[in-house]
Amino acid sequence: MNELLAALRYRAETSGASLAFHDGLTRLDYAGLAGRVAGVAEDIRSLNSPSVIGVLGGNRVETVIGQLAGWHTGKIVVPLPPFLPAGQLRHIAADAGIAHILATPEQTDTAKRLAIPFTPISARMANWEAPASSGAGQIIYSSGTTGHPKGVLLQSDQLTWSGRALAGAIGANQDDVYLSVLPLAFLLETISAIVIPILVGASARLEPVLAASFGEVSGGTLATVVALRRPTCMVLVPQLLANWIRRLSGDVGTAPDSLRFVAVGGASLAPALAEKAWRRGIPVYEGYGLSECGSVVALNRPEGRKAGTVGKPLPGLDVRIVDEEIVVGGPSVMDRYVQGKPAGGSWRTGDVGEIDGDGYLTVRGRRDNVLVTPLGRNISPEWVEALLDADPRIACSIVIHCEGPYLTALLVPSARGEEWFDRASHEDIAVLISACCAEAPSYAIPRHSVVVLTNELSAQGLLTADGRIRRRPVLDEYADLLARAGTSPVKELAK
């Protein structure tokens, strides 16, 4: 992390009065940021704390300070998102070996409940000292769709490398204003909202309220915030993008012309949804990545975007297709899983994909999720799910094959869609599914369905922190219903 910390010191010395971070409560220029980081670094050193520390906080300036101060002192930092239940936070702390936590002022009560020694992130200033020469890193726990996630150790400067590569790919510069609406605990958000702005001398506006409830943010709220802040860049997940487009479509409006780059990842993005975004003035660029590979592997860019793909691999990465599987090699690959074996600089992603003649990568879905029908058709369910999820009435979905020749869809209505599903007949749902999947071949269109409400899944812990379905646990929980649906006409079975 020394390159990043050197960039921070350089910004403080050469453009110290330039805005660095603002969260609505705290506003820091680069000189103030460097002073605050140095102050908290002194606090950490006085603790004689272990090599792994947690940072508990939302999208606040103090969270950024704690993150940077941890790196400054050569610690491995583990972001602890406050929206997770205490039980999950304790699991992360135990798995990562966290023995001390830095907490933002508003999270001290949560820190107390974790029963782990903690220190509030102070507002004290200090003179900059040389950072620790080694040891700094990050452990990331992704949201996980199959149960408890594994901790990904990034201790070989993967974050700085990825930040530099992404900054070059998108043309980031000191005039950029980044709007952070996803939790800073997400690896891509850490890179986009902290690493890249510091490397190029840009500013970042943090939105604590939106990030704390991003899975439930309405399109109207997002549209209002973007119009007010007038950012140049931001990162979204497909559901947030869909909510925003619905609001703009309803108001016959467009996004502010300040926007030049909106990255969308975290799940498959239906081409039709991307087209709607561009028509509404949202410059959407699809990308692909995973925590094990430093977050971003490939990305569409202003100088070259091909709809339906996730763009070209970042320069410096070796991305190949081996037996239909995407394999990534290069400096962004993780060191290892916590308690695991070294990755060795190469990672088999488990994702099925292909690279076309122009070098653009297309991701078809997870290798272990591929469905094989009795007619011999191989179908990646994520492709069909992206088509379904693009409809404003559907929050998320799972597509599976049970008995017979046809697919079955488990549909989770959005807040807006619950009323529609409550009134809809079996035939109405069949028409909806067919309309969503109009671009798919007939064998890939689900003929049966189960409808499950969000609050039912949440109550059973079957949704991730970012609102996605935990695929394997959900399939286990609803196995009987899905099996019955697979031998019947389209019906609503779980409401």
Protein backbone atom coordinates (compact mmCIF):
# COMPACT_ATOMS: atom_id res chain seq x y z
CA MET A 1 0.00 0.00 0.00
CA ASN A 2 3.02 2.28 0.06
CA GLU A 3 2.30 3.66 -3.42
CA LEU A 4 -1.18 4.67 -2.30
CA LEU A 5 0.09 6.24 0.92
CA ALA A 6 2.82 8.06 -1.00
CA ALA A 7 0.11 9.43 -3.30
CA LEU A 8 -1.84 10.67 -0.27
CA ARG A 9 1.20 12.46 1.11
CA TYR A 10 1.93 13.97 -2.31
CA ARG A 11 -1.63 15.28 -2.62
CA ALA A 12 -1.42 16.75 0.88
CA GLU A 13 1.80 18.59 0.02
CA THR A 14 0.94 19.78 -3.50
CA SER A 15 -2.83 20.29 -3.44
CA GLY A 16 -3.65 20.13 0.26
CA ALA A 17 -6.68 22.43 0.03
CA SER A 18 -8.39 20.27 -2.60
CA LEU A 19 -11.45 18.37 -1.42
CA ALA A 20 -10.77 14.71 -0.72
CA PHE A 21 -13.84 13.23 1.03
CA HIS A 22 -17.23 14.53 2.15
CA ASP A 23 -20.05 12.53 3.75
CA GLY A 24 -22.53 15.28 4.59
CA LEU A 25 -21.17 15.66 8.13
CA THR A 26 -17.41 15.68 7.72
CA ARG A 27 -15.56 17.40 4.91
CA LEU A 28 -11.81 16.87 4.54
CA ASP A 29 -9.28 18.28 2.12
CA TYR A 30 -6.14 16.30 1.35
CA ALA A 31 -4.04 18.08 3.96
CA GLY A 32 -6.65 17.39 6.62
CA LEU A 33 -7.00 13.78 5.50
CA ALA A 34 -3.28 13.14 5.80
CA GLY A 35 -3.25 14.71 9.28
CA ARG A 36 -6.22 12.67 10.47
CA VAL A 37 -4.73 9.43 9.09
CA ALA A 38 -1.45 10.16 10.88
CA GLY A 39 -3.34 10.82 14.12
CA VAL A 40 -5.25 7.54 14.05
CA ALA A 41 -2.07 5.72 13.01
CA GLU A 42 -0.49 6.95 16.25
CA ASP A 43 -3.51 5.61 18.15
CA ILE A 44 -3.06 2.21 16.53
CA ARG A 45 0.65 2.08 17.30
CA SER A 46 -0.01 2.93 20.94
CA LEU A 47 -2.30 -0.12 21.22
CA ASN A 48 0.40 -2.59 20.31
CA SER A 49 -2.43 -4.21 18.41
CA PRO A 50 -2.18 -7.49 16.47
CA SER A 51 -1.51 -7.69 12.76
CA VAL A 52 -5.22 -7.98 11.84
CA ILE A 53 -7.68 -5.24 12.79
CA GLY A 54 -11.32 -4.64 11.95
CA VAL A 55 -12.79 -1.34 10.78
CA LEU A 56 -16.46 -1.03 11.75
CA GLY A 57 -18.30 1.76 9.99
CA GLY A 58 -20.55 2.76 7.14
CA ASN A 59 -19.81 5.17 4.31
CA ARG A 60 -18.28 7.80 6.57
CA VAL A 61 -15.09 9.82 6.31
CA GLU A 62 -13.99 8.18 9.57
CA THR A 63 -14.21 4.77 7.92
CA VAL A 64 -11.85 5.96 5.18
CA ILE A 65 -9.47 7.31 7.83
CA GLY A 66 -9.50 4.04 9.77
CA GLN A 67 -8.85 2.06 6.60
CA LEU A 68 -5.89 4.23 5.58
CA ALA A 69 -4.47 4.38 9.10
CA GLY A 70 -4.55 0.61 9.32
CA TRP A 71 -2.56 0.34 6.11
CA HIS A 72 -0.21 3.09 7.28
CA THR A 73 0.71 0.98 10.31
CA GLY A 74 1.20 -2.18 8.29
CA LYS A 75 -1.99 -3.92 9.41
CA ILE A 76 -4.26 -6.27 7.54
CA VAL A 77 -7.60 -4.49 7.60
CA VAL A 78 -10.97 -6.27 7.62
CA PRO A 79 -14.00 -4.08 6.79
CA LEU A 80 -16.94 -4.86 9.08
CA PRO A 81 -20.18 -3.60 7.51
CA PRO A 82 -22.55 -2.48 10.29
CA PHE A 83 -25.63 -3.68 8.41
CA LEU A 84 -24.62 -7.31 8.99
CA PRO A 85 -26.12 -9.12 12.00
CA ALA A 86 -23.87 -9.38 15.06
CA GLY A 87 -23.58 -13.13 14.58
CA GLN A 88 -22.12 -12.74 11.09
CA LEU A 89 -19.74 -10.04 12.30
CA ARG A 90 -18.52 -12.35 15.06
CA HIS A 91 -18.00 -15.12 12.51
CA ILE A 92 -15.89 -12.79 10.34
CA ALA A 93 -13.90 -11.59 13.36
CA ALA A 94 -13.17 -15.13 14.53
CA ASP A 95 -12.30 -16.42 11.06
CA ALA A 96 -9.97 -13.51 10.25
CA GLY A 97 -8.35 -13.42 13.69
CA ILE A 98 -9.46 -9.89 14.56
CA ALA A 99 -8.45 -9.01 18.10
CA HIS A 100 -9.08 -5.24 17.94
CA ILE A 101 -11.58 -3.03 16.12
CA LEU A 102 -11.50 0.59 15.01
CA ALA A 103 -15.08 1.91 15.16
CA THR A 104 -16.60 5.07 13.78
CA PRO A 105 -18.29 7.17 16.51
CA GLU A 106 -21.83 6.10 15.59
CA GLN A 107 -20.87 2.39 15.70
CA THR A 108 -19.48 2.17 19.24
CA ASP A 109 -22.63 0.48 20.57
CA THR A 110 -22.36 -2.19 17.86
CA ALA A 111 -18.69 -2.66 18.72
CA LYS A 112 -19.57 -3.20 22.38
CA ARG A 113 -22.05 -5.93 21.46
CA LEU A 114 -19.33 -7.81 19.59
CA ALA A 115 -17.36 -8.19 22.82
CA ILE A 116 -14.06 -7.45 21.03
CA PRO A 117 -11.71 -4.68 22.26
CA PHE A 118 -12.28 -1.55 20.19
CA THR A 119 -11.07 2.01 19.83
CA PRO A 120 -13.24 4.83 18.47
CA ILE A 121 -11.70 6.49 15.42
CA SER A 122 -10.51 9.81 16.81
CA ALA A 123 -10.42 13.27 15.26
CA ARG A 124 -6.89 14.01 16.37
CA MET A 125 -4.29 15.30 13.95
CA ALA A 126 -0.60 14.42 13.80
CA ASN A 127 2.42 14.94 11.60
CA TRP A 128 2.94 12.44 8.83
CA GLU A 129 5.46 9.71 9.50
CA ALA A 130 6.88 7.08 7.16
CA PRO A 131 4.41 4.19 6.85
CA ALA A 132 5.29 0.63 7.79
CA SER A 133 7.39 -0.98 5.09
CA SER A 134 5.38 -4.22 4.92
CA GLY A 135 2.40 -6.16 6.23
CA ALA A 136 -0.45 -3.96 4.99
CA GLY A 137 -3.34 -5.69 3.29
CA GLN A 138 -7.04 -6.42 3.25
CA ILE A 139 -9.30 -9.35 3.99
CA ILE A 140 -12.58 -9.21 2.12
CA TYR A 141 -15.64 -11.27 2.95
CA SER A 142 -17.97 -11.20 0.00
CA SER A 143 -21.72 -11.34 0.52
CA GLY A 144 -21.73 -15.05 -0.27
CA THR A 145 -24.60 -16.81 -2.08
CA THR A 146 -24.10 -20.28 -0.62
CA GLY A 147 -23.66 -19.67 3.11
CA HIS A 148 -20.75 -18.30 5.17
CA PRO A 149 -18.32 -16.63 2.74
CA LYS A 150 -14.59 -17.23 2.74
CA GLY A 151 -12.16 -14.47 3.62
CA VAL A 152 -10.02 -13.36 0.67
CA LEU A 153 -6.53 -12.18 1.67
CA LEU A 154 -5.06 -9.40 -0.49
CA GLN A 155 -1.63 -8.61 0.92
CA SER A 156 0.49 -8.17 -2.21
CA ASP A 157 -0.65 -4.68 -3.20
CA GLN A 158 -3.57 -5.98 -5.25
CA LEU A 159 -5.76 -3.00 -4.31
CA THR A 160 -3.27 -0.40 -5.51
CA TRP A 161 -2.58 -2.36 -8.70
CA SER A 162 -6.28 -2.69 -9.43
CA GLY A 163 -6.88 0.98 -8.63
CA ARG A 164 -4.14 2.08 -10.99
CA ALA A 165 -5.34 -0.25 -13.76
CA LEU A 166 -8.95 0.88 -13.39
CA ALA A 167 -7.99 4.54 -13.25
CA GLY A 168 -6.21 4.14 -16.56
CA ALA A 169 -9.06 2.17 -18.12
CA ILE A 170 -11.73 4.77 -17.32
CA GLY A 171 -9.54 7.86 -17.68
CA ALA A 172 -9.90 8.90 -14.04
CA ASN A 173 -8.48 12.35 -13.27
CA GLN A 174 -8.37 15.01 -10.56
CA ASP A 175 -11.55 16.66 -11.86
CA ASP A 176 -13.63 13.58 -11.15
CA VAL A 177 -16.28 13.52 -8.43
CA TYR A 178 -17.05 9.97 -7.38
CA LEU A 179 -20.43 9.24 -5.78
CA SER A 180 -20.32 6.33 -3.33
CA VAL A 181 -23.73 4.68 -2.85
CA LEU A 182 -22.57 1.09 -2.29
CA PRO A 183 -21.07 0.02 1.06
CA LEU A 184 -17.36 0.76 1.44
CA ALA A 185 -16.99 -2.78 2.80
CA PHE A 186 -17.39 -4.04 -0.79
CA LEU A 187 -13.98 -4.48 -2.40
CA LEU A 188 -14.91 -2.65 -5.61
CA GLU A 189 -16.26 0.27 -3.59
CA THR A 190 -13.06 0.43 -1.53
CA ILE A 191 -11.06 0.64 -4.76
CA SER A 192 -13.44 3.05 -6.51
CA ALA A 193 -14.21 5.39 -3.60
CA ILE A 194 -10.87 5.39 -1.74
CA VAL A 195 -7.97 4.08 -3.81
CA ILE A 196 -8.66 5.65 -7.21
CA PRO A 197 -9.55 9.16 -5.92
CA ILE A 198 -6.32 9.32 -3.89
CA LEU A 199 -4.19 8.00 -6.76
CA VAL A 200 -5.47 10.66 -9.18
CA GLY A 201 -6.25 13.47 -6.69
CA ALA A 202 -10.02 13.40 -7.22
CA SER A 203 -12.80 13.77 -4.63
CA ALA A 204 -15.42 11.34 -3.37
CA ARG A 205 -18.85 12.09 -1.99
CA LEU A 206 -19.96 9.37 0.42
CA GLU A 207 -23.67 8.73 0.92
CA PRO A 208 -24.05 6.97 4.33
CA VAL A 209 -27.83 6.59 4.27
CA LEU A 210 -28.01 5.16 0.75
CA ALA A 211 -25.13 2.77 1.37
CA ALA A 212 -26.66 1.51 4.62
CA SER A 213 -29.88 0.52 2.85
CA PHE A 214 -28.71 0.23 -0.74
CA GLY A 215 -30.70 -2.96 -1.33
CA GLU A 216 -33.90 -1.00 -0.68
CA VAL A 217 -33.02 2.38 -2.22
CA SER A 218 -35.82 3.65 -4.42
CA GLY A 219 -35.22 4.98 -7.89
CA GLY A 220 -36.58 8.35 -6.83
CA THR A 221 -34.10 8.66 -3.97
CA LEU A 222 -31.17 7.69 -6.15
CA ALA A 223 -32.26 10.01 -8.95
CA THR A 224 -32.56 12.92 -6.50
CA VAL A 225 -29.13 12.31 -4.96
CA VAL A 226 -27.39 11.98 -8.33
CA ALA A 227 -29.06 15.13 -9.64
CA LEU A 228 -28.00 17.03 -6.52
CA ARG A 229 -24.39 15.81 -6.32
CA ARG A 230 -23.72 15.82 -10.09
CA PRO A 231 -20.97 13.18 -9.96
CA THR A 232 -18.81 12.12 -12.88
CA CYS A 233 -18.43 8.46 -11.86
CA MET A 234 -20.17 5.85 -9.74
CA VAL A 235 -20.65 2.09 -9.37
CA LEU A 236 -24.06 0.39 -9.26
CA VAL A 237 -25.52 -3.09 -9.06
CA PRO A 238 -28.18 -3.99 -11.68
CA GLN A 239 -31.12 -3.67 -9.26
CA LEU A 240 -30.21 -0.09 -8.32
CA LEU A 241 -29.78 0.75 -11.98
CA ALA A 242 -33.20 -0.71 -12.77
CA ASN A 243 -34.81 1.33 -9.97
CA TRP A 244 -33.18 4.51 -11.26
CA ILE A 245 -34.24 3.88 -14.87
CA ARG A 246 -37.84 3.28 -13.79
CA ARG A 247 -37.92 6.66 -12.04
CA LEU A 248 -36.38 8.49 -14.98
CA SER A 249 -38.78 6.76 -17.36
CA GLY A 250 -41.73 7.72 -15.18
CA ASP A 251 -40.65 11.34 -15.05
CA VAL A 252 -39.59 11.34 -18.72
CA GLY A 253 -36.22 12.54 -17.47
CA THR A 254 -32.55 11.94 -17.99
CA ALA A 255 -29.51 11.63 -15.78
CA PRO A 256 -27.32 14.73 -15.22
CA ASP A 257 -24.84 15.44 -18.01
CA SER A 258 -21.99 15.46 -15.48
CA LEU A 259 -21.91 11.65 -15.56
CA ARG A 260 -19.27 10.13 -17.78
CA PHE A 261 -18.81 6.61 -16.38
CA VAL A 262 -21.20 4.34 -14.48
CA ALA A 263 -19.80 0.88 -13.86
CA VAL A 264 -22.33 -1.91 -13.30
CA GLY A 265 -21.37 -5.27 -11.84
CA GLY A 266 -22.10 -7.74 -9.07
CA ALA A 267 -24.63 -9.66 -11.18
CA SER A 268 -25.54 -10.17 -14.82
CA LEU A 269 -26.88 -7.09 -16.59
CA ALA A 270 -29.57 -7.69 -19.20
CA PRO A 271 -28.68 -5.97 -22.52
CA ALA A 272 -32.16 -4.45 -22.68
CA LEU A 273 -31.63 -2.77 -19.30
CA ALA A 274 -28.28 -1.36 -20.44
CA GLU A 275 -29.92 0.03 -23.58
CA LYS A 276 -32.59 1.75 -21.48
CA ALA A 277 -29.86 3.28 -19.32
CA TRP A 278 -28.08 4.82 -22.29
CA ARG A 279 -31.37 6.22 -23.62
CA ARG A 280 -31.84 7.96 -20.26
CA GLY A 281 -28.38 9.49 -20.29
CA ILE A 282 -26.74 6.96 -17.95
CA PRO A 283 -23.35 5.99 -19.47
CA VAL A 284 -23.34 2.36 -18.37
CA TYR A 285 -20.26 0.18 -18.77
CA GLU A 286 -20.61 -3.49 -17.94
CA GLY A 287 -17.78 -5.23 -16.11
CA TYR A 288 -16.84 -8.52 -14.52
CA GLY A 289 -14.73 -9.54 -11.58
CA LEU A 290 -14.50 -11.31 -8.26
CA SER A 291 -12.78 -10.68 -4.95
CA GLU A 292 -10.32 -13.53 -5.55
CA CYS A 293 -8.99 -11.55 -8.53
CA GLY A 294 -8.82 -8.10 -6.95
CA SER A 295 -12.41 -7.24 -7.89
CA VAL A 296 -12.29 -6.24 -11.57
CA VAL A 297 -11.06 -8.57 -14.31
CA ALA A 298 -12.65 -7.04 -17.41
CA LEU A 299 -14.48 -3.83 -18.18
CA ASN A 300 -16.11 -2.02 -21.08
CA ARG A 301 -14.59 1.42 -21.60
CA PRO A 302 -15.44 4.70 -23.31
CA GLU A 303 -13.06 3.98 -26.19
CA GLY A 304 -14.55 0.54 -26.73
CA ARG A 305 -17.84 -0.89 -25.51
CA LYS A 306 -19.53 -3.97 -26.90
CA ALA A 307 -23.06 -4.52 -25.63
CA GLY A 308 -23.72 -7.95 -24.15
CA THR A 309 -20.10 -8.41 -23.11
CA VAL A 310 -18.20 -7.40 -19.97
CA GLY A 311 -15.47 -5.71 -21.98
CA LYS A 312 -11.80 -6.47 -22.40
CA PRO A 313 -9.53 -7.72 -19.61
CA LEU A 314 -7.54 -5.08 -17.75
CA PRO A 315 -4.02 -4.60 -19.17
CA GLY A 316 -1.57 -6.76 -17.26
CA LEU A 317 -3.99 -9.62 -16.61
CA ASP A 318 -3.79 -12.95 -18.40
CA VAL A 319 -7.37 -14.06 -18.98
CA ARG A 320 -7.90 -17.36 -20.74
CA ILE A 321 -10.70 -19.82 -21.40
CA VAL A 322 -9.76 -23.34 -20.34
CA ASP A 323 -12.42 -26.00 -20.95
CA GLU A 324 -15.00 -23.16 -21.16
CA GLU A 325 -13.92 -21.84 -17.72
CA ILE A 326 -12.50 -18.33 -17.20
CA VAL A 327 -8.99 -18.52 -15.73
CA VAL A 328 -7.27 -15.34 -14.52
CA GLY A 329 -3.57 -14.79 -13.91
CA GLY A 330 -1.70 -11.69 -12.86
CA PRO A 331 -0.88 -9.26 -10.05
CA SER A 332 -4.48 -8.78 -8.86
CA VAL A 333 -5.03 -12.45 -7.95
CA MET A 334 -5.42 -12.98 -4.20
CA ASP A 335 -2.66 -14.35 -1.99
CA ARG A 336 -4.96 -17.02 -0.57
CA TYR A 337 -8.13 -17.65 1.36
CA VAL A 338 -7.86 -17.13 5.10
CA GLN A 339 -6.47 -20.40 6.47
CA GLY A 340 -6.02 -21.58 2.88
CA LYS A 341 -3.17 -22.44 0.54
CA PRO A 342 -1.37 -19.84 -1.65
CA ALA A 343 -3.20 -19.14 -4.89
CA GLY A 344 0.01 -19.01 -6.89
CA GLY A 345 -0.92 -16.04 -9.07
CA SER A 346 -3.59 -17.85 -11.08
CA TRP A 347 -7.26 -18.48 -10.36
CA ARG A 348 -9.86 -20.74 -11.91
CA THR A 349 -12.96 -18.63 -11.47
CA GLY A 350 -15.62 -21.32 -11.88
CA ASP A 351 -17.36 -19.04 -14.39
CA VAL A 352 -18.16 -20.13 -17.92
CA GLY A 353 -17.21 -17.65 -20.62
CA GLU A 354 -15.75 -16.95 -24.01
CA ILE A 355 -13.49 -14.33 -25.59
CA ASP A 356 -14.39 -13.15 -29.09
CA GLY A 357 -12.05 -12.22 -31.92
CA ASP A 358 -11.89 -8.61 -30.76
CA GLY A 359 -10.83 -9.59 -27.24
CA TYR A 360 -14.18 -8.95 -25.50
CA LEU A 361 -15.16 -11.33 -22.71
CA THR A 362 -18.68 -12.72 -22.33
CA VAL A 363 -19.66 -14.45 -19.09
CA ARG A 364 -22.28 -17.18 -19.39
CA GLY A 365 -22.70 -18.08 -15.71
CA ARG A 366 -21.33 -20.36 -13.03
CA ARG A 367 -19.92 -23.65 -14.25
CA ASP A 368 -21.54 -25.62 -11.43
CA ASN A 369 -24.93 -23.99 -12.12
CA VAL A 370 -25.24 -25.04 -15.76
CA LEU A 371 -28.58 -26.76 -16.39
CA VAL A 372 -28.81 -29.74 -18.74
CA THR A 373 -32.34 -30.47 -19.94
CA PRO A 374 -33.62 -33.85 -21.13
CA LEU A 375 -33.42 -32.46 -24.67
CA GLY A 376 -29.65 -32.06 -24.27
CA ARG A 377 -29.67 -28.27 -23.98
CA ASN A 378 -27.04 -26.62 -21.76
CA ILE A 379 -28.39 -23.44 -20.18
CA SER A 380 -26.64 -20.99 -17.86
CA PRO A 381 -29.41 -19.92 -15.45
CA GLU A 382 -27.77 -16.54 -14.74
CA TRP A 383 -28.49 -15.49 -18.32
CA VAL A 384 -32.22 -16.20 -17.97
CA GLU A 385 -32.28 -14.70 -14.46
CA ALA A 386 -30.84 -11.43 -15.78
CA LEU A 387 -33.70 -11.25 -18.31
CA LEU A 388 -36.28 -11.81 -15.56
CA ASP A 389 -34.65 -9.41 -13.09
CA ALA A 390 -34.73 -6.59 -15.64
CA ASP A 391 -38.51 -6.34 -15.15
CA PRO A 392 -39.40 -3.76 -12.47
CA ARG A 393 -41.83 -6.19 -10.81
CA ILE A 394 -39.10 -8.75 -10.08
CA ALA A 395 -36.40 -8.10 -7.48
CA CYS A 396 -34.45 -11.30 -8.10
CA SER A 397 -34.91 -14.83 -9.32
CA ILE A 398 -33.48 -18.33 -9.54
CA VAL A 399 -33.97 -20.54 -12.59
CA ILE A 400 -33.63 -24.31 -12.20
CA HIS A 401 -34.55 -27.55 -13.92
CA CYS A 402 -36.64 -30.08 -12.02
CA GLU A 403 -38.57 -32.77 -13.89
CA GLY A 404 -39.65 -32.76 -17.50
CA PRO A 405 -38.30 -30.73 -20.41
CA TYR A 406 -38.95 -27.24 -19.04
CA LEU A 407 -37.33 -24.84 -16.58
CA THR A 408 -38.83 -23.53 -13.35
CA ALA A 409 -38.33 -19.99 -12.01
CA LEU A 410 -38.42 -18.92 -8.39
CA LEU A 411 -39.50 -15.27 -8.49
CA VAL A 412 -39.07 -12.71 -5.72
CA PRO A 413 -41.30 -9.65 -6.33
CA SER A 414 -39.91 -6.17 -5.88
CA ALA A 415 -41.67 -3.78 -3.49
CA ARG A 416 -43.41 -2.33 -6.51
CA GLY A 417 -44.27 -5.76 -7.90
CA GLU A 418 -45.83 -7.37 -4.82
CA GLU A 419 -49.24 -5.84 -5.51
CA TRP A 420 -49.13 -6.99 -9.14
CA PHE A 421 -48.23 -10.56 -8.19
CA ASP A 422 -50.95 -10.57 -5.55
CA ARG A 423 -53.56 -9.85 -8.23
CA ALA A 424 -51.98 -11.83 -11.08
CA SER A 425 -53.41 -15.10 -12.33
CA HIS A 426 -51.32 -18.10 -13.36
CA GLU A 427 -51.72 -17.00 -16.97
CA ASP A 428 -50.59 -13.44 -16.14
CA ILE A 429 -47.35 -14.75 -14.63
CA ALA A 430 -46.77 -17.01 -17.64
CA VAL A 431 -47.17 -14.01 -19.96
CA LEU A 432 -44.78 -11.95 -17.82
CA ILE A 433 -42.10 -14.66 -17.92
CA SER A 434 -42.45 -15.08 -21.67
CA ALA A 435 -42.23 -11.34 -22.24
CA CYS A 436 -39.11 -11.01 -20.07
CA CYS A 437 -37.43 -13.88 -21.93
CA ALA A 438 -38.51 -12.87 -25.41
CA GLU A 439 -34.91 -12.85 -26.68
CA ALA A 440 -34.21 -16.35 -25.33
CA PRO A 441 -34.87 -19.56 -27.29
CA SER A 442 -38.04 -21.37 -26.34
CA TYR A 443 -36.23 -24.12 -24.43
CA ALA A 444 -34.71 -21.51 -22.07
CA ILE A 445 -38.02 -19.86 -21.14
CA PRO A 446 -39.33 -21.12 -17.76
CA ARG A 447 -42.79 -22.70 -18.01
CA HIS A 448 -43.33 -23.11 -14.24
CA SER A 449 -42.79 -20.79 -11.29
CA VAL A 450 -42.86 -20.30 -7.55
CA VAL A 451 -43.33 -16.85 -6.05
CA VAL A 452 -41.70 -16.07 -2.71
CA LEU A 453 -41.87 -12.72 -0.95
CA THR A 454 -38.74 -10.87 0.12
CA ASN A 455 -39.70 -10.71 3.79
CA GLU A 456 -40.10 -14.51 3.85
CA LEU A 457 -36.59 -15.01 2.48
CA SER A 458 -35.13 -12.36 4.78
CA ALA A 459 -36.73 -13.91 7.85
CA GLN A 460 -35.03 -17.21 7.01
CA GLY A 461 -31.65 -15.60 6.28
CA LEU A 462 -31.85 -16.60 2.63
CA LEU A 463 -30.80 -13.24 1.18
CA THR A 464 -27.29 -11.83 1.10
CA ALA A 465 -26.46 -8.42 2.52
CA ASP A 466 -26.83 -6.90 -0.96
CA GLY A 467 -30.24 -8.46 -1.55
CA ARG A 468 -29.22 -11.41 -3.70
CA ILE A 469 -30.59 -14.91 -3.23
CA ARG A 470 -28.42 -17.48 -1.48
CA ARG A 471 -28.89 -19.97 -4.27
CA ARG A 472 -28.06 -23.29 -2.61
CA PRO A 473 -29.86 -22.68 0.71
CA VAL A 474 -32.95 -21.38 -1.12
CA LEU A 475 -33.05 -24.40 -3.42
CA ASP A 476 -32.77 -26.68 -0.39
CA GLU A 477 -35.52 -24.83 1.51
CA TYR A 478 -37.99 -24.80 -1.38
CA ALA A 479 -37.05 -28.12 -2.99
CA ASP A 480 -40.49 -29.68 -2.53
CA LEU A 481 -42.39 -26.65 -3.83
CA LEU A 482 -40.10 -26.31 -6.83
CA ALA A 483 -40.42 -29.99 -7.61
CA ARG A 484 -44.23 -29.78 -7.52
CA ALA A 485 -44.19 -26.65 -9.66
CA GLY A 486 -42.01 -28.44 -12.20
CA THR A 487 -44.79 -30.91 -12.94
CA SER A 488 -47.68 -28.43 -12.93
CA PRO A 489 -48.82 -25.34 -14.82
CA VAL A 490 -47.40 -21.99 -13.74
CA LYS A 491 -48.52 -21.27 -10.18
CA GLU A 492 -47.84 -19.22 -7.09
CA LEU A 493 -47.07 -21.66 -4.31
CA ALA A 494 -45.32 -19.74 -1.53
CA LYS A 495 -46.81 -16.44 -0.44
